[in-house]
Amino acid sequence: MEPDWINLSEAAELLGVHPATVRAWGDKGELAMQRTPGGHRRFRRADVEARLETSDRSQSSGVQLVVQNMVGRARLELTDGALNDEVWYQRLNDAARQQLRQIGHQLIHLFQQYLTQATPLPAARAEARTIGQQYERLGRESGLSLAETTRAYLYFREFLSQTVYDMAETMGTQGPVQWGQIHHKIITITNEVLLALVAAHEELSNEL
């Protein structure tokens, strides 16, 4: 049995989850296991690898759903007039509003590339900083204060995060088991954008 079976820690490492999660799956019958005479759990390697493959497909499908819903929500926000009540948005001319949409599309595209692992974290961080600088420039050229520019960005970030919350609540276990991981990745990138926005403003202020 030894070559084909692995212990709890090995299964957890292979699946990239905490051992307690694998233990629960085994106890619930969601992942086949056997016990040694000493009572230790053993999992068939082929079963663990099959679950990993299913998890990867679920993750990929979940990411695509997240991105699609991000795009749909962004379009809805721009077409139903929801932004018109925002003071900072009222101060943007047509050209600035178009630029705001373009920056939003860049950010969504970045998420799509990063969540699907097409773009590694260092490159994603670098692009996020560039987007943050673009937000700062847009706000400054439109006569917005730092607070107003930040509000403009946070408005966009909020519905990105809300997309994941809504989908996790609606789909539950029917969606990817890594909702938390997806949300963590979104927070990582959106924080990078925000920090770059503030840093760009501070750098300009120090030059004046």
C-alpha atoms as a PDB file:
ATOM      1  CA  MET A   1       0.000   0.000   0.000  1.00  0.00           C
ATOM      2  CA  GLU A   2       2.896   2.377   0.707  1.00  0.00           C
ATOM      3  CA  PRO A   3       3.834   3.542  -2.840  1.00  0.00           C
ATOM      4  CA  ASP A   4       0.272   4.481  -3.772  1.00  0.00           C
ATOM      5  CA  TRP A   5      -0.856   5.982  -0.478  1.00  0.00           C
ATOM      6  CA  ILE A   6       0.245   9.178   1.265  1.00  0.00           C
ATOM      7  CA  ASN A   7      -0.290  10.543   4.756  1.00  0.00           C
ATOM      8  CA  LEU A   8      -2.364  13.537   5.856  1.00  0.00           C
ATOM      9  CA  SER A   9       0.448  16.099   5.701  1.00  0.00           C
ATOM     10  CA  GLU A  10       1.557  14.965   2.246  1.00  0.00           C
ATOM     11  CA  ALA A  11      -2.004  15.150   0.913  1.00  0.00           C
ATOM     12  CA  ALA A  12      -2.447  18.646   2.376  1.00  0.00           C
ATOM     13  CA  GLU A  13       0.812  19.849   0.840  1.00  0.00           C
ATOM     14  CA  LEU A  14      -0.138  18.434  -2.542  1.00  0.00           C
ATOM     15  CA  LEU A  15      -3.572  20.089  -2.431  1.00  0.00           C
ATOM     16  CA  GLY A  16      -2.266  23.364  -1.030  1.00  0.00           C
ATOM     17  CA  VAL A  17      -4.704  23.398   1.901  1.00  0.00           C
ATOM     18  CA  HIS A  18      -4.461  23.048   5.674  1.00  0.00           C
ATOM     19  CA  PRO A  19      -4.252  19.447   6.998  1.00  0.00           C
ATOM     20  CA  ALA A  20      -7.447  20.061   8.982  1.00  0.00           C
ATOM     21  CA  THR A  21      -9.277  20.613   5.684  1.00  0.00           C
ATOM     22  CA  VAL A  22      -8.052  17.297   4.285  1.00  0.00           C
ATOM     23  CA  ARG A  23      -8.950  15.593   7.558  1.00  0.00           C
ATOM     24  CA  ALA A  24     -12.490  16.948   7.313  1.00  0.00           C
ATOM     25  CA  TRP A  25     -12.820  15.851   3.686  1.00  0.00           C
ATOM     26  CA  GLY A  26     -11.714  12.344   4.639  1.00  0.00           C
ATOM     27  CA  ASP A  27     -14.037  12.115   7.649  1.00  0.00           C
ATOM     28  CA  LYS A  28     -16.989  13.331   5.556  1.00  0.00           C
ATOM     29  CA  GLY A  29     -16.251  10.847   2.789  1.00  0.00           C
ATOM     30  CA  GLU A  30     -15.461  13.607   0.302  1.00  0.00           C
ATOM     31  CA  LEU A  31     -11.948  12.209  -0.180  1.00  0.00           C
ATOM     32  CA  ALA A  32     -11.444   8.449   0.033  1.00  0.00           C
ATOM     33  CA  MET A  33      -9.105   7.327   2.796  1.00  0.00           C
ATOM     34  CA  GLN A  34      -8.058   4.326   4.858  1.00  0.00           C
ATOM     35  CA  ARG A  35      -6.645   4.071   8.345  1.00  0.00           C
ATOM     36  CA  THR A  36      -3.511   2.244   9.337  1.00  0.00           C
ATOM     37  CA  PRO A  37      -3.603  -0.242  12.244  1.00  0.00           C
ATOM     38  CA  GLY A  38      -2.373   2.653  14.369  1.00  0.00           C
ATOM     39  CA  GLY A  39      -5.359   4.810  13.321  1.00  0.00           C
ATOM     40  CA  HIS A  40      -3.485   7.182  10.993  1.00  0.00           C
ATOM     41  CA  ARG A  41      -5.226   8.425   7.860  1.00  0.00           C
ATOM     42  CA  ARG A  42      -3.858   7.418   4.467  1.00  0.00           C
ATOM     43  CA  PHE A  43      -5.025   8.789   1.118  1.00  0.00           C
ATOM     44  CA  ARG A  44      -4.585   7.278  -2.301  1.00  0.00           C
ATOM     45  CA  ARG A  45      -2.292   9.549  -4.325  1.00  0.00           C
ATOM     46  CA  ALA A  46      -4.421   9.162  -7.460  1.00  0.00           C
ATOM     47  CA  ASP A  47      -7.530  10.361  -5.578  1.00  0.00           C
ATOM     48  CA  VAL A  48      -5.689  13.390  -4.223  1.00  0.00           C
ATOM     49  CA  GLU A  49      -4.348  14.291  -7.659  1.00  0.00           C
ATOM     50  CA  ALA A  50      -7.837  13.903  -9.152  1.00  0.00           C
ATOM     51  CA  ARG A  51      -9.270  16.286  -6.560  1.00  0.00           C
ATOM     52  CA  LEU A  52      -6.458  18.756  -7.269  1.00  0.00           C
ATOM     53  CA  GLU A  53      -7.276  18.686 -10.976  1.00  0.00           C
ATOM     54  CA  THR A  54     -10.971  19.259 -10.239  1.00  0.00           C
ATOM     55  CA  SER A  55     -10.058  22.113  -7.909  1.00  0.00           C
ATOM     56  CA  ASP A  56      -7.899  23.739 -10.597  1.00  0.00           C
ATOM     57  CA  ARG A  57     -10.752  23.561 -13.101  1.00  0.00           C
ATOM     58  CA  SER A  58     -13.114  25.027 -10.540  1.00  0.00           C
ATOM     59  CA  GLN A  59     -10.654  27.826  -9.808  1.00  0.00           C
ATOM     60  CA  SER A  60     -10.261  28.656 -13.500  1.00  0.00           C
ATOM     61  CA  SER A  61     -14.029  28.613 -14.045  1.00  0.00           C
ATOM     62  CA  GLY A  62     -14.554  30.742 -10.966  1.00  0.00           C
ATOM     63  CA  VAL A  63     -12.018  33.318 -12.117  1.00  0.00           C
ATOM     64  CA  GLN A  64     -13.716  33.652 -15.485  1.00  0.00           C
ATOM     65  CA  LEU A  65     -17.081  34.137 -13.771  1.00  0.00           C
ATOM     66  CA  VAL A  66     -15.596  36.785 -11.478  1.00  0.00           C
ATOM     67  CA  VAL A  67     -14.097  38.704 -14.398  1.00  0.00           C
ATOM     68  CA  GLN A  68     -17.305  38.481 -16.429  1.00  0.00           C
ATOM     69  CA  ASN A  69     -19.313  39.808 -13.517  1.00  0.00           C
ATOM     70  CA  MET A  70     -16.792  42.595 -12.933  1.00  0.00           C
ATOM     71  CA  VAL A  71     -17.214  43.718 -16.536  1.00  0.00           C
ATOM     72  CA  GLY A  72     -21.006  43.465 -16.336  1.00  0.00           C
ATOM     73  CA  ARG A  73     -21.182  45.421 -13.098  1.00  0.00           C
ATOM     74  CA  ALA A  74     -18.838  48.101 -14.448  1.00  0.00           C
ATOM     75  CA  ARG A  75     -21.025  48.573 -17.508  1.00  0.00           C
ATOM     76  CA  LEU A  76     -24.140  48.738 -15.350  1.00  0.00           C
ATOM     77  CA  GLU A  77     -22.603  51.385 -13.084  1.00  0.00           C
ATOM     78  CA  LEU A  78     -21.779  53.531 -16.093  1.00  0.00           C
ATOM     79  CA  THR A  79     -25.076  53.146 -17.921  1.00  0.00           C
ATOM     80  CA  ASP A  80     -27.674  53.410 -15.154  1.00  0.00           C
ATOM     81  CA  GLY A  81     -26.468  56.801 -13.955  1.00  0.00           C
ATOM     82  CA  ALA A  82     -25.342  55.537 -10.542  1.00  0.00           C
ATOM     83  CA  LEU A  83     -22.183  57.613 -10.767  1.00  0.00           C
ATOM     84  CA  ASN A  84     -24.012  60.844 -11.475  1.00  0.00           C
ATOM     85  CA  ASP A  85     -24.724  61.390  -7.783  1.00  0.00           C
ATOM     86  CA  GLU A  86     -21.038  61.310  -6.889  1.00  0.00           C
ATOM     87  CA  VAL A  87     -19.632  64.822  -6.392  1.00  0.00           C
ATOM     88  CA  TRP A  88     -16.217  63.888  -7.741  1.00  0.00           C
ATOM     89  CA  TYR A  89     -17.781  62.408 -10.891  1.00  0.00           C
ATOM     90  CA  GLN A  90     -19.756  65.569 -11.553  1.00  0.00           C
ATOM     91  CA  ARG A  91     -16.460  67.463 -11.734  1.00  0.00           C
ATOM     92  CA  LEU A  92     -15.100  65.278 -14.540  1.00  0.00           C
ATOM     93  CA  ASN A  93     -15.586  66.402 -18.132  1.00  0.00           C
ATOM     94  CA  ASP A  94     -16.452  63.920 -20.897  1.00  0.00           C
ATOM     95  CA  ALA A  95     -12.806  63.274 -21.768  1.00  0.00           C
ATOM     96  CA  ALA A  96     -11.921  62.573 -18.127  1.00  0.00           C
ATOM     97  CA  ARG A  97     -14.898  60.240 -17.743  1.00  0.00           C
ATOM     98  CA  GLN A  98     -13.782  58.315 -20.807  1.00  0.00           C
ATOM     99  CA  GLN A  99     -10.285  58.091 -19.356  1.00  0.00           C
ATOM    100  CA  LEU A 100     -11.742  56.836 -16.083  1.00  0.00           C
ATOM    101  CA  ARG A 101     -13.498  54.036 -17.961  1.00  0.00           C
ATOM    102  CA  GLN A 102     -10.277  53.110 -19.755  1.00  0.00           C
ATOM    103  CA  ILE A 103      -8.351  52.897 -16.475  1.00  0.00           C
ATOM    104  CA  GLY A 104     -11.114  50.700 -15.075  1.00  0.00           C
ATOM    105  CA  HIS A 105     -10.832  48.384 -18.059  1.00  0.00           C
ATOM    106  CA  GLN A 106      -7.068  48.189 -17.523  1.00  0.00           C
ATOM    107  CA  LEU A 107      -7.598  47.194 -13.921  1.00  0.00           C
ATOM    108  CA  ILE A 108     -10.123  44.501 -14.803  1.00  0.00           C
ATOM    109  CA  HIS A 109      -7.767  43.135 -17.464  1.00  0.00           C
ATOM    110  CA  LEU A 110      -4.980  43.067 -14.876  1.00  0.00           C
ATOM    111  CA  PHE A 111      -7.185  41.038 -12.544  1.00  0.00           C
ATOM    112  CA  GLN A 112      -8.002  38.611 -15.323  1.00  0.00           C
ATOM    113  CA  GLN A 113      -4.321  38.071 -16.102  1.00  0.00           C
ATOM    114  CA  TYR A 114      -3.258  37.844 -12.468  1.00  0.00           C
ATOM    115  CA  LEU A 115      -6.071  35.595 -11.257  1.00  0.00           C
ATOM    116  CA  THR A 116      -5.456  33.148 -14.098  1.00  0.00           C
ATOM    117  CA  GLN A 117      -1.726  33.264 -13.300  1.00  0.00           C
ATOM    118  CA  ALA A 118      -0.903  34.586 -16.766  1.00  0.00           C
ATOM    119  CA  THR A 119       0.830  37.496 -15.021  1.00  0.00           C
ATOM    120  CA  PRO A 120       3.093  36.740 -12.015  1.00  0.00           C
ATOM    121  CA  LEU A 121       2.768  38.775  -8.827  1.00  0.00           C
ATOM    122  CA  PRO A 122       5.824  41.052  -9.353  1.00  0.00           C
ATOM    123  CA  ALA A 123       4.609  42.069 -12.820  1.00  0.00           C
ATOM    124  CA  ALA A 124       1.047  42.493 -11.522  1.00  0.00           C
ATOM    125  CA  ARG A 125       2.281  44.777  -8.724  1.00  0.00           C
ATOM    126  CA  ALA A 126       4.254  46.878 -11.226  1.00  0.00           C
ATOM    127  CA  GLU A 127       1.220  47.306 -13.487  1.00  0.00           C
ATOM    128  CA  ALA A 128      -0.959  48.101 -10.468  1.00  0.00           C
ATOM    129  CA  ARG A 129       1.427  50.907  -9.519  1.00  0.00           C
ATOM    130  CA  THR A 130       1.198  52.299 -13.041  1.00  0.00           C
ATOM    131  CA  ILE A 131      -2.599  52.288 -12.804  1.00  0.00           C
ATOM    132  CA  GLY A 132      -2.407  54.056  -9.443  1.00  0.00           C
ATOM    133  CA  GLN A 133      -0.279  56.765 -11.013  1.00  0.00           C
ATOM    134  CA  GLN A 134      -2.838  57.133 -13.793  1.00  0.00           C
ATOM    135  CA  TYR A 135      -5.622  57.606 -11.240  1.00  0.00           C
ATOM    136  CA  GLU A 136      -3.582  60.310  -9.516  1.00  0.00           C
ATOM    137  CA  ARG A 137      -2.854  62.108 -12.794  1.00  0.00           C
ATOM    138  CA  LEU A 138      -6.504  61.966 -13.833  1.00  0.00           C
ATOM    139  CA  GLY A 139      -7.631  63.455 -10.539  1.00  0.00           C
ATOM    140  CA  ARG A 140      -4.983  66.163 -10.538  1.00  0.00           C
ATOM    141  CA  GLU A 141      -5.668  67.232 -14.119  1.00  0.00           C
ATOM    142  CA  SER A 142      -9.391  67.320 -13.344  1.00  0.00           C
ATOM    143  CA  GLY A 143      -8.865  69.558 -10.327  1.00  0.00           C
ATOM    144  CA  LEU A 144      -9.799  66.915  -7.762  1.00  0.00           C
ATOM    145  CA  SER A 145      -8.310  66.856  -4.290  1.00  0.00           C
ATOM    146  CA  LEU A 146      -6.441  63.779  -3.099  1.00  0.00           C
ATOM    147  CA  ALA A 147      -9.483  62.804  -1.050  1.00  0.00           C
ATOM    148  CA  GLU A 148     -11.775  63.091  -4.089  1.00  0.00           C
ATOM    149  CA  THR A 149      -9.380  61.123  -6.292  1.00  0.00           C
ATOM    150  CA  THR A 150      -9.179  58.447  -3.628  1.00  0.00           C
ATOM    151  CA  ARG A 151     -12.971  58.332  -3.432  1.00  0.00           C
ATOM    152  CA  ALA A 152     -13.121  57.828  -7.196  1.00  0.00           C
ATOM    153  CA  TYR A 153     -10.774  54.865  -6.929  1.00  0.00           C
ATOM    154  CA  LEU A 154     -12.444  53.393  -3.851  1.00  0.00           C
ATOM    155  CA  TYR A 155     -15.818  53.541  -5.608  1.00  0.00           C
ATOM    156  CA  PHE A 156     -14.415  51.294  -8.317  1.00  0.00           C
ATOM    157  CA  ARG A 157     -12.602  49.021  -5.855  1.00  0.00           C
ATOM    158  CA  GLU A 158     -15.751  48.542  -3.819  1.00  0.00           C
ATOM    159  CA  PHE A 159     -17.787  47.006  -6.604  1.00  0.00           C
ATOM    160  CA  LEU A 160     -14.844  44.771  -7.578  1.00  0.00           C
ATOM    161  CA  SER A 161     -14.799  43.325  -4.068  1.00  0.00           C
ATOM    162  CA  GLN A 162     -18.584  43.246  -3.921  1.00  0.00           C
ATOM    163  CA  THR A 163     -18.611  41.135  -7.068  1.00  0.00           C
ATOM    164  CA  VAL A 164     -16.699  38.386  -5.268  1.00  0.00           C
ATOM    165  CA  TYR A 165     -18.870  38.669  -2.139  1.00  0.00           C
ATOM    166  CA  ASP A 166     -22.086  38.434  -4.159  1.00  0.00           C
ATOM    167  CA  MET A 167     -20.891  35.480  -6.208  1.00  0.00           C
ATOM    168  CA  ALA A 168     -19.619  33.597  -3.161  1.00  0.00           C
ATOM    169  CA  GLU A 169     -22.956  34.132  -1.420  1.00  0.00           C
ATOM    170  CA  THR A 170     -24.979  33.131  -4.481  1.00  0.00           C
ATOM    171  CA  MET A 171     -22.923  30.160  -5.641  1.00  0.00           C
ATOM    172  CA  GLY A 172     -21.576  28.885  -2.330  1.00  0.00           C
ATOM    173  CA  THR A 173     -20.101  25.425  -2.750  1.00  0.00           C
ATOM    174  CA  GLN A 174     -21.189  25.423  -6.388  1.00  0.00           C
ATOM    175  CA  GLY A 175     -18.371  27.890  -7.099  1.00  0.00           C
ATOM    176  CA  PRO A 176     -14.636  27.504  -6.537  1.00  0.00           C
ATOM    177  CA  VAL A 177     -13.542  26.494  -3.063  1.00  0.00           C
ATOM    178  CA  GLN A 178     -10.907  29.235  -3.225  1.00  0.00           C
ATOM    179  CA  TRP A 179     -13.214  32.272  -2.908  1.00  0.00           C
ATOM    180  CA  GLY A 180     -10.981  33.502  -0.102  1.00  0.00           C
ATOM    181  CA  GLN A 181      -7.887  33.170  -2.256  1.00  0.00           C
ATOM    182  CA  ILE A 182      -9.495  35.112  -5.095  1.00  0.00           C
ATOM    183  CA  HIS A 183     -10.538  37.872  -2.737  1.00  0.00           C
ATOM    184  CA  HIS A 184      -7.059  38.011  -1.173  1.00  0.00           C
ATOM    185  CA  LYS A 185      -5.491  38.441  -4.611  1.00  0.00           C
ATOM    186  CA  ILE A 186      -7.898  41.259  -5.436  1.00  0.00           C
ATOM    187  CA  ILE A 187      -7.062  43.031  -2.167  1.00  0.00           C
ATOM    188  CA  THR A 188      -3.330  42.629  -2.835  1.00  0.00           C
ATOM    189  CA  ILE A 189      -3.560  44.370  -6.204  1.00  0.00           C
ATOM    190  CA  THR A 190      -6.110  47.030  -5.252  1.00  0.00           C
ATOM    191  CA  ASN A 191      -3.998  48.016  -2.235  1.00  0.00           C
ATOM    192  CA  GLU A 192      -0.998  48.374  -4.523  1.00  0.00           C
ATOM    193  CA  VAL A 193      -2.986  50.734  -6.755  1.00  0.00           C
ATOM    194  CA  LEU A 194      -4.067  52.844  -3.799  1.00  0.00           C
ATOM    195  CA  LEU A 195      -0.555  53.100  -2.357  1.00  0.00           C
ATOM    196  CA  ALA A 196       0.828  54.134  -5.745  1.00  0.00           C
ATOM    197  CA  LEU A 197      -1.896  56.778  -6.082  1.00  0.00           C
ATOM    198  CA  VAL A 198      -0.978  58.337  -2.731  1.00  0.00           C
ATOM    199  CA  ALA A 199       2.767  58.036  -3.379  1.00  0.00           C
ATOM    200  CA  ALA A 200       2.452  59.809  -6.728  1.00  0.00           C
ATOM    201  CA  HIS A 201       0.569  62.667  -5.074  1.00  0.00           C
ATOM    202  CA  GLU A 202       3.148  62.966  -2.288  1.00  0.00           C
ATOM    203  CA  GLU A 203       6.037  62.921  -4.749  1.00  0.00           C
ATOM    204  CA  LEU A 204       4.499  65.760  -6.750  1.00  0.00           C
ATOM    205  CA  SER A 205       3.767  67.744  -3.593  1.00  0.00           C
ATOM    206  CA  ASN A 206       7.405  67.449  -2.494  1.00  0.00           C
ATOM    207  CA  GLU A 207       8.572  68.761  -5.854  1.00  0.00           C
ATOM    208  CA  LEU A 208       6.400  71.899  -5.597  1.00  0.00           C
END
